[in-house]
PDB file of all heavy atoms in Angstrom:
ATOM      1  N   LYS A   1      31.291 -26.184  26.102  1.00  0.00           N
ATOM      2  CA  LYS A   1      32.102 -27.084  25.288  1.00  0.00           C
ATOM      3  C   LYS A   1      33.249 -26.336  24.620  1.00  0.00           C
ATOM      4  O   LYS A   1      33.201 -25.129  24.417  1.00  0.00           O
ATOM      5  CB  LYS A   1      31.226 -27.779  24.248  1.00  0.00           C
ATOM      6  CG  LYS A   1      30.196 -28.707  24.888  1.00  0.00           C
ATOM      7  CD  LYS A   1      29.396 -29.479  23.862  1.00  0.00           C
ATOM      8  CE  LYS A   1      28.398 -30.413  24.546  1.00  0.00           C
ATOM      9  NZ  LYS A   1      27.584 -31.183  23.566  1.00  0.00           N
ATOM     10  N   HIS A   2      34.283 -27.091  24.281  1.00  0.00           N
ATOM     11  CA  HIS A   2      35.512 -26.504  23.761  1.00  0.00           C
ATOM     12  C   HIS A   2      35.769 -27.034  22.351  1.00  0.00           C
ATOM     13  O   HIS A   2      36.160 -28.176  22.175  1.00  0.00           O
ATOM     14  CB  HIS A   2      36.684 -26.871  24.688  1.00  0.00           C
ATOM     15  CG  HIS A   2      38.014 -26.406  24.214  1.00  0.00           C
ATOM     16  ND1 HIS A   2      39.202 -26.937  24.667  1.00  0.00           N
ATOM     17  CD2 HIS A   2      38.361 -25.442  23.311  1.00  0.00           C
ATOM     18  CE1 HIS A   2      40.205 -26.336  24.079  1.00  0.00           C
ATOM     19  NE2 HIS A   2      39.731 -25.433  23.240  1.00  0.00           N
ATOM     20  N   HIS A   3      35.503 -26.179  21.367  1.00  0.00           N
ATOM     21  CA  HIS A   3      35.825 -26.496  19.973  1.00  0.00           C
ATOM     22  C   HIS A   3      36.791 -25.464  19.404  1.00  0.00           C
ATOM     23  O   HIS A   3      37.695 -25.796  18.656  1.00  0.00           O
ATOM     24  CB  HIS A   3      34.565 -26.500  19.103  1.00  0.00           C
ATOM     25  CG  HIS A   3      33.422 -27.268  19.684  1.00  0.00           C
ATOM     26  ND1 HIS A   3      33.489 -28.619  19.921  1.00  0.00           N
ATOM     27  CD2 HIS A   3      32.187 -26.870  20.101  1.00  0.00           C
ATOM     28  CE1 HIS A   3      32.338 -29.028  20.445  1.00  0.00           C
ATOM     29  NE2 HIS A   3      31.546 -27.988  20.569  1.00  0.00           N
ATOM     30  N   PHE A   4      36.559 -24.199  19.776  1.00  0.00           N
ATOM     31  CA  PHE A   4      37.316 -23.089  19.207  1.00  0.00           C
ATOM     32  C   PHE A   4      38.541 -22.757  20.047  1.00  0.00           C
ATOM     33  O   PHE A   4      38.607 -23.071  21.244  1.00  0.00           O
ATOM     34  CB  PHE A   4      36.437 -21.835  19.121  1.00  0.00           C
ATOM     35  CG  PHE A   4      35.266 -21.977  18.187  1.00  0.00           C
ATOM     36  CD1 PHE A   4      33.979 -21.839  18.672  1.00  0.00           C
ATOM     37  CD2 PHE A   4      35.455 -22.231  16.832  1.00  0.00           C
ATOM     38  CE1 PHE A   4      32.884 -21.950  17.822  1.00  0.00           C
ATOM     39  CE2 PHE A   4      34.370 -22.358  15.986  1.00  0.00           C
ATOM     40  CZ  PHE A   4      33.090 -22.212  16.473  1.00  0.00           C
ATOM     41  N   ASN A   5      39.483 -22.086  19.404  1.00  0.00           N
ATOM     42  CA  ASN A   5      40.709 -21.676  20.080  1.00  0.00           C
ATOM     43  C   ASN A   5      41.237 -20.381  19.494  1.00  0.00           C
ATOM     44  O   ASN A   5      40.947 -20.032  18.343  1.00  0.00           O
ATOM     45  CB  ASN A   5      41.801 -22.744  19.914  1.00  0.00           C
ATOM     46  CG  ASN A   5      41.394 -24.103  20.412  1.00  0.00           C
ATOM     47  OD1 ASN A   5      41.561 -24.415  21.583  1.00  0.00           O
ATOM     48  ND2 ASN A   5      40.829 -24.924  19.524  1.00  0.00           N
ATOM     49  N   GLU A   6      42.037 -19.708  20.311  1.00  0.00           N
ATOM     50  CA  GLU A   6      42.879 -18.619  19.821  1.00  0.00           C
ATOM     51  C   GLU A   6      44.306 -19.153  19.778  1.00  0.00           C
ATOM     52  O   GLU A   6      44.754 -19.818  20.722  1.00  0.00           O
ATOM     53  CB  GLU A   6      42.792 -17.398  20.734  1.00  0.00           C
ATOM     54  CG  GLU A   6      43.559 -16.196  20.204  1.00  0.00           C
ATOM     55  CD  GLU A   6      43.368 -14.954  21.065  1.00  0.00           C
ATOM     56  OE1 GLU A   6      42.952 -15.104  22.230  1.00  0.00           O
ATOM     57  OE2 GLU A   6      43.625 -13.848  20.568  1.00  0.00           O
ATOM     58  N   VAL A   7      45.004 -18.894  18.691  1.00  0.00           N
ATOM     59  CA  VAL A   7      46.382 -19.363  18.529  1.00  0.00           C
ATOM     60  C   VAL A   7      47.290 -18.140  18.460  1.00  0.00           C
ATOM     61  O   VAL A   7      47.143 -17.297  17.572  1.00  0.00           O
ATOM     62  CB  VAL A   7      46.539 -20.220  17.260  1.00  0.00           C
ATOM     63  CG1 VAL A   7      47.975 -20.728  17.134  1.00  0.00           C
ATOM     64  CG2 VAL A   7      45.564 -21.400  17.289  1.00  0.00           C
ATOM     65  N   ILE A   8      48.219 -18.047  19.417  1.00  0.00           N
ATOM     66  CA  ILE A   8      49.122 -16.907  19.524  1.00  0.00           C
ATOM     67  C   ILE A   8      50.521 -17.327  19.065  1.00  0.00           C
ATOM     68  O   ILE A   8      51.043 -18.361  19.496  1.00  0.00           O
ATOM     69  CB  ILE A   8      49.204 -16.397  20.977  1.00  0.00           C
ATOM     70  CG1 ILE A   8      47.802 -16.205  21.570  1.00  0.00           C
ATOM     71  CG2 ILE A   8      50.019 -15.112  21.041  1.00  0.00           C
ATOM     72  CD1 ILE A   8      46.989 -15.138  20.919  1.00  0.00           C
ATOM     73  N   PHE A   9      51.127 -16.515  18.200  1.00  0.00           N
ATOM     74  CA  PHE A   9      52.496 -16.754  17.746  1.00  0.00           C
ATOM     75  C   PHE A   9      53.425 -15.723  18.370  1.00  0.00           C
ATOM     76  O   PHE A   9      53.186 -14.517  18.292  1.00  0.00           O
ATOM     77  CB  PHE A   9      52.607 -16.634  16.219  1.00  0.00           C
ATOM     78  CG  PHE A   9      51.677 -17.514  15.454  1.00  0.00           C
ATOM     79  CD1 PHE A   9      50.623 -16.974  14.733  1.00  0.00           C
ATOM     80  CD2 PHE A   9      51.847 -18.885  15.444  1.00  0.00           C
ATOM     81  CE1 PHE A   9      49.766 -17.780  14.024  1.00  0.00           C
ATOM     82  CE2 PHE A   9      50.992 -19.707  14.735  1.00  0.00           C
ATOM     83  CZ  PHE A   9      49.941 -19.162  14.019  1.00  0.00           C
ATOM     84  N   ASP A  10      54.484 -16.205  18.970  1.00  0.00           N
ATOM     85  CA  ASP A  10      55.515 -15.322  19.516  1.00  0.00           C
ATOM     86  C   ASP A  10      56.855 -15.739  18.917  1.00  0.00           C
ATOM     87  O   ASP A  10      57.564 -16.574  19.459  1.00  0.00           O
ATOM     88  CB  ASP A  10      55.537 -15.433  21.041  1.00  0.00           C
ATOM     89  CG  ASP A  10      56.568 -14.506  21.675  1.00  0.00           C
ATOM     90  OD1 ASP A  10      57.128 -13.642  20.970  1.00  0.00           O
ATOM     91  OD2 ASP A  10      56.830 -14.664  22.885  1.00  0.00           O
ATOM     92  N   GLU A  11      57.149 -15.171  17.741  1.00  0.00           N
ATOM     93  CA  GLU A  11      58.385 -15.503  17.027  1.00  0.00           C
ATOM     94  C   GLU A  11      58.469 -17.014  16.740  1.00  0.00           C
ATOM     95  O   GLU A  11      59.547 -17.608  16.785  1.00  0.00           O
ATOM     96  CB  GLU A  11      59.614 -15.052  17.828  1.00  0.00           C
ATOM     97  CG  GLU A  11      59.707 -13.548  18.023  1.00  0.00           C
ATOM     98  CD  GLU A  11      60.098 -12.823  16.732  1.00  0.00           C
ATOM     99  OE1 GLU A  11      61.038 -13.253  16.056  1.00  0.00           O
ATOM    100  OE2 GLU A  11      59.429 -11.817  16.405  1.00  0.00           O
ATOM    101  N   ALA A  12      57.341 -17.630  16.454  1.00  0.00           N
ATOM    102  CA  ALA A  12      57.327 -19.070  16.162  1.00  0.00           C
ATOM    103  C   ALA A  12      58.067 -19.332  14.854  1.00  0.00           C
ATOM    104  O   ALA A  12      57.820 -18.672  13.836  1.00  0.00           O
ATOM    105  CB  ALA A  12      55.893 -19.572  16.073  1.00  0.00           C
ATOM    106  N   PHE A  13      58.939 -20.309  14.866  1.00  0.00           N
ATOM    107  CA  PHE A  13      59.766 -20.594  13.689  1.00  0.00           C
ATOM    108  C   PHE A  13      59.100 -21.607  12.774  1.00  0.00           C
ATOM    109  O   PHE A  13      58.609 -22.655  13.224  1.00  0.00           O
ATOM    110  CB  PHE A  13      61.134 -21.133  14.125  1.00  0.00           C
ATOM    111  CG  PHE A  13      62.068 -21.420  12.977  1.00  0.00           C
ATOM    112  CD1 PHE A  13      62.687 -20.393  12.294  1.00  0.00           C
ATOM    113  CD2 PHE A  13      62.311 -22.740  12.574  1.00  0.00           C
ATOM    114  CE1 PHE A  13      63.551 -20.643  11.232  1.00  0.00           C
ATOM    115  CE2 PHE A  13      63.166 -23.007  11.523  1.00  0.00           C
ATOM    116  CZ  PHE A  13      63.782 -21.961  10.849  1.00  0.00           C
ATOM    117  N   VAL A  14      59.071 -21.285  11.477  1.00  0.00           N
ATOM    118  CA  VAL A  14      58.581 -22.198  10.444  1.00  0.00           C
ATOM    119  C   VAL A  14      59.707 -22.401   9.436  1.00  0.00           C
ATOM    120  O   VAL A  14      60.174 -21.432   8.818  1.00  0.00           O
ATOM    121  CB  VAL A  14      57.341 -21.631   9.728  1.00  0.00           C
ATOM    122  CG1 VAL A  14      56.867 -22.597   8.654  1.00  0.00           C
ATOM    123  CG2 VAL A  14      56.225 -21.356  10.719  1.00  0.00           C
ATOM    124  N   PRO A  15      60.182 -23.629   9.245  1.00  0.00           N
ATOM    125  CA  PRO A  15      61.292 -23.849   8.309  1.00  0.00           C
ATOM    126  C   PRO A  15      60.886 -23.579   6.869  1.00  0.00           C
ATOM    127  O   PRO A  15      59.696 -23.630   6.524  1.00  0.00           O
ATOM    128  CB  PRO A  15      61.655 -25.321   8.518  1.00  0.00           C
ATOM    129  CG  PRO A  15      60.435 -25.935   9.116  1.00  0.00           C
ATOM    130  CD  PRO A  15      59.768 -24.866   9.918  1.00  0.00           C
ATOM    131  N   ASP A  16      61.869 -23.308   6.033  1.00  0.00           N
ATOM    132  CA  ASP A  16      61.600 -22.986   4.629  1.00  0.00           C
ATOM    133  C   ASP A  16      60.811 -24.071   3.917  1.00  0.00           C
ATOM    134  O   ASP A  16      60.007 -23.777   3.024  1.00  0.00           O
ATOM    135  CB  ASP A  16      62.919 -22.734   3.878  1.00  0.00           C
ATOM    136  CG  ASP A  16      63.484 -21.348   4.143  1.00  0.00           C
ATOM    137  OD1 ASP A  16      62.691 -20.416   4.337  1.00  0.00           O
ATOM    138  OD2 ASP A  16      64.726 -21.207   4.152  1.00  0.00           O
ATOM    139  N   ASP A  17      61.022 -25.346   4.295  1.00  0.00           N
ATOM    140  CA  ASP A  17      60.315 -26.414   3.581  1.00  0.00           C
ATOM    141  C   ASP A  17      58.839 -26.505   3.967  1.00  0.00           C
ATOM    142  O   ASP A  17      58.101 -27.319   3.408  1.00  0.00           O
ATOM    143  CB  ASP A  17      61.012 -27.771   3.749  1.00  0.00           C
ATOM    144  CG  ASP A  17      61.048 -28.265   5.182  1.00  0.00           C
ATOM    145  OD1 ASP A  17      60.517 -27.569   6.086  1.00  0.00           O
ATOM    146  OD2 ASP A  17      61.619 -29.342   5.418  1.00  0.00           O
ATOM    147  N   MET A  18      58.402 -25.650   4.923  1.00  0.00           N
ATOM    148  CA  MET A  18      56.990 -25.592   5.276  1.00  0.00           C
ATOM    149  C   MET A  18      56.319 -24.305   4.777  1.00  0.00           C
ATOM    150  O   MET A  18      55.189 -24.008   5.169  1.00  0.00           O
ATOM    151  CB  MET A  18      56.805 -25.722   6.786  1.00  0.00           C
ATOM    152  CG  MET A  18      57.095 -27.129   7.299  1.00  0.00           C
ATOM    153  SD  MET A  18      55.984 -28.410   6.625  1.00  0.00           S
ATOM    154  CE  MET A  18      57.124 -29.375   5.627  1.00  0.00           C
ATOM    155  N   VAL A  19      57.017 -23.540   3.921  1.00  0.00           N
ATOM    156  CA  VAL A  19      56.336 -22.477   3.177  1.00  0.00           C
ATOM    157  C   VAL A  19      55.342 -23.155   2.246  1.00  0.00           C
ATOM    158  O   VAL A  19      55.690 -24.097   1.519  1.00  0.00           O
ATOM    159  CB  VAL A  19      57.334 -21.627   2.366  1.00  0.00           C
ATOM    160  CG1 VAL A  19      56.591 -20.681   1.418  1.00  0.00           C
ATOM    161  CG2 VAL A  19      58.236 -20.837   3.298  1.00  0.00           C
ATOM    162  N   PHE A  20      54.094 -22.706   2.272  1.00  0.00           N
ATOM    163  CA  PHE A  20      53.058 -23.363   1.479  1.00  0.00           C
ATOM    164  C   PHE A  20      52.781 -22.544   0.222  1.00  0.00           C
ATOM    165  O   PHE A  20      52.350 -21.393   0.308  1.00  0.00           O
ATOM    166  CB  PHE A  20      51.786 -23.517   2.302  1.00  0.00           C
ATOM    167  CG  PHE A  20      50.739 -24.362   1.638  1.00  0.00           C
ATOM    168  CD1 PHE A  20      50.980 -25.696   1.374  1.00  0.00           C
ATOM    169  CD2 PHE A  20      49.522 -23.830   1.258  1.00  0.00           C
ATOM    170  CE1 PHE A  20      50.032 -26.493   0.755  1.00  0.00           C
ATOM    171  CE2 PHE A  20      48.568 -24.608   0.633  1.00  0.00           C
ATOM    172  CZ  PHE A  20      48.822 -25.942   0.374  1.00  0.00           C
ATOM    173  N   GLY A  21      53.046 -23.139  -0.926  1.00  0.00           N
ATOM    174  CA  GLY A  21      52.872 -22.417  -2.177  1.00  0.00           C
ATOM    175  C   GLY A  21      53.995 -21.423  -2.380  1.00  0.00           C
ATOM    176  O   GLY A  21      55.151 -21.678  -2.037  1.00  0.00           O
ATOM    177  N   THR A  22      53.658 -20.250  -2.896  1.00  0.00           N
ATOM    178  CA  THR A  22      54.645 -19.231  -3.259  1.00  0.00           C
ATOM    179  C   THR A  22      54.491 -18.015  -2.355  1.00  0.00           C
ATOM    180  O   THR A  22      53.380 -17.546  -2.110  1.00  0.00           O
ATOM    181  CB  THR A  22      54.451 -18.803  -4.728  1.00  0.00           C
ATOM    182  OG1 THR A  22      54.559 -19.962  -5.565  1.00  0.00           O
ATOM    183  CG2 THR A  22      55.496 -17.776  -5.146  1.00  0.00           C
ATOM    184  N   ILE A  23      55.613 -17.511  -1.863  1.00  0.00           N
ATOM    185  CA  ILE A  23      55.589 -16.295  -1.051  1.00  0.00           C
ATOM    186  C   ILE A  23      54.964 -15.168  -1.875  1.00  0.00           C
ATOM    187  O   ILE A  23      55.360 -14.905  -3.005  1.00  0.00           O
ATOM    188  CB  ILE A  23      57.015 -15.907  -0.591  1.00  0.00           C
ATOM    189  CG1 ILE A  23      57.557 -16.950   0.391  1.00  0.00           C
ATOM    190  CG2 ILE A  23      57.021 -14.516   0.021  1.00  0.00           C
ATOM    191  CD1 ILE A  23      56.820 -17.021   1.714  1.00  0.00           C
ATOM    192  N   GLY A  24      53.987 -14.501  -1.272  1.00  0.00           N
ATOM    193  CA  GLY A  24      53.300 -13.401  -1.935  1.00  0.00           C
ATOM    194  C   GLY A  24      52.030 -13.788  -2.653  1.00  0.00           C
ATOM    195  O   GLY A  24      51.248 -12.924  -3.054  1.00  0.00           O
ATOM    196  N   ASP A  25      51.788 -15.105  -2.826  1.00  0.00           N
ATOM    197  CA  ASP A  25      50.589 -15.578  -3.529  1.00  0.00           C
ATOM    198  C   ASP A  25      49.507 -16.082  -2.574  1.00  0.00           C
ATOM    199  O   ASP A  25      48.596 -16.799  -2.990  1.00  0.00           O
ATOM    200  CB  ASP A  25      50.956 -16.705  -4.504  1.00  0.00           C
ATOM    201  CG  ASP A  25      51.649 -16.197  -5.749  1.00  0.00           C
ATOM    202  OD1 ASP A  25      51.744 -14.962  -5.914  1.00  0.00           O
ATOM    203  OD2 ASP A  25      52.114 -17.029  -6.555  1.00  0.00           O
ATOM    204  N   GLY A  26      49.610 -15.714  -1.306  1.00  0.00           N
ATOM    205  CA  GLY A  26      48.683 -16.257  -0.308  1.00  0.00           C
ATOM    206  C   GLY A  26      47.227 -15.977  -0.600  1.00  0.00           C
ATOM    207  O   GLY A  26      46.368 -16.842  -0.405  1.00  0.00           O
TER     208      GLY A  26
END
């Protein structure tokens, strides 16, 4: 069965309005 995944990022772009919370407070 398939529930889990590996997610690979290759220079994936995230716009500034999708920063979650405050940079550095992760």
